[in-house]
Amino acid sequence: MEHFTDTAISPKSFPTGKGIGIAILDTGISPVADFTIPTDRIIAFRDFINGRTTPYDDNGHGTHVTGAKKKKQRPC
């Protein structure tokens, strides 16, 4: 097993998450200002229960979870 010391790992080599997206399977997502302004960051939506094609969240839980996971500069 290889061991690292503090001097062996450069902070520049840490993962940034750049170019990585996330998928959240939950009750939906409401297209509120946090996700749509200044640009729409909801890049995909699929309703497996009712077959709707536009984002909505009839429970609120999915919107809450997405808000906890997203960053302003990243799509959700």
Protein backbone atom coordinates (compact mmCIF):
# COMPACT_ATOMS: atom_id res chain seq x y z
CA MET A 1 0.00 0.00 0.00
CA GLU A 2 1.37 3.37 -0.97
CA HIS A 3 1.47 6.08 1.70
CA PHE A 4 1.44 9.79 1.03
CA THR A 5 2.84 12.60 3.09
CA ASP A 6 1.51 16.13 3.19
CA THR A 7 4.22 17.20 0.76
CA ALA A 8 3.43 14.41 -1.73
CA ILE A 9 -0.10 15.62 -2.53
CA SER A 10 -0.53 18.95 -4.19
CA PRO A 11 -3.87 20.75 -3.65
CA LYS A 12 -3.85 21.35 -7.40
CA SER A 13 -4.27 17.61 -7.95
CA PHE A 14 -7.49 17.34 -5.91
CA PRO A 15 -10.67 16.62 -7.91
CA THR A 16 -12.73 19.73 -8.64
CA GLY A 17 -15.91 18.22 -10.03
CA LYS A 18 -15.51 20.30 -13.18
CA GLY A 19 -17.47 18.74 -16.03
CA ILE A 20 -19.43 16.42 -13.73
CA GLY A 21 -23.22 16.51 -13.54
CA ILE A 22 -25.57 14.82 -11.08
CA ALA A 23 -28.94 13.11 -11.45
CA ILE A 24 -31.51 13.25 -8.69
CA LEU A 25 -34.40 10.78 -8.67
CA ASP A 26 -37.01 12.24 -6.35
CA THR A 27 -40.46 13.86 -6.37
CA GLY A 28 -39.52 16.36 -9.08
CA ILE A 29 -38.03 19.83 -9.34
CA SER A 30 -39.85 23.15 -9.41
CA PRO A 31 -38.41 25.62 -11.90
CA VAL A 32 -37.87 28.30 -9.23
CA ALA A 33 -35.52 31.27 -9.63
CA ASP A 34 -32.63 29.49 -7.88
CA PHE A 35 -32.53 27.01 -10.75
CA THR A 36 -33.53 29.24 -13.68
CA ILE A 37 -31.97 32.68 -13.16
CA PRO A 38 -29.72 33.94 -14.67
CA THR A 39 -29.84 30.82 -16.89
CA ASP A 40 -31.94 27.67 -16.77
CA ARG A 41 -29.80 25.02 -15.08
CA ILE A 42 -32.41 22.25 -15.24
CA ILE A 43 -30.91 20.38 -18.17
CA ALA A 44 -33.16 17.31 -18.09
CA PHE A 45 -36.47 16.28 -16.53
CA ARG A 46 -38.35 12.99 -16.61
CA ASP A 47 -41.65 12.21 -14.89
CA PHE A 48 -41.86 8.44 -14.40
CA ILE A 49 -45.30 8.55 -12.72
CA ASN A 50 -47.50 11.03 -14.60
CA GLY A 51 -45.56 11.39 -17.86
CA ARG A 52 -45.34 15.17 -17.73
CA THR A 53 -42.64 16.77 -19.86
CA THR A 54 -42.09 20.07 -18.03
CA PRO A 55 -40.42 20.29 -14.60
CA TYR A 56 -42.67 20.34 -11.54
CA ASP A 57 -42.61 19.02 -7.98
CA ASP A 58 -45.96 18.20 -6.43
CA ASN A 59 -44.35 17.31 -3.10
CA GLY A 60 -41.44 19.74 -2.72
CA HIS A 61 -38.93 17.17 -1.52
CA GLY A 62 -37.08 16.85 -4.83
CA THR A 63 -36.70 20.63 -5.12
CA HIS A 64 -35.33 20.76 -1.57
CA VAL A 65 -32.83 17.93 -2.20
CA THR A 66 -31.70 19.48 -5.50
CA GLY A 67 -31.19 22.83 -3.79
CA ALA A 68 -28.99 21.19 -1.18
CA LYS A 69 -26.85 19.52 -3.86
CA LYS A 70 -26.47 22.17 -6.54
CA LYS A 71 -23.98 24.98 -6.89
CA LYS A 72 -24.93 28.23 -8.58
CA GLN A 73 -22.44 27.73 -11.40
CA ARG A 74 -23.35 24.08 -12.15
CA PRO A 75 -26.40 22.69 -14.01
CA CYS A 76 -28.76 20.56 -11.98
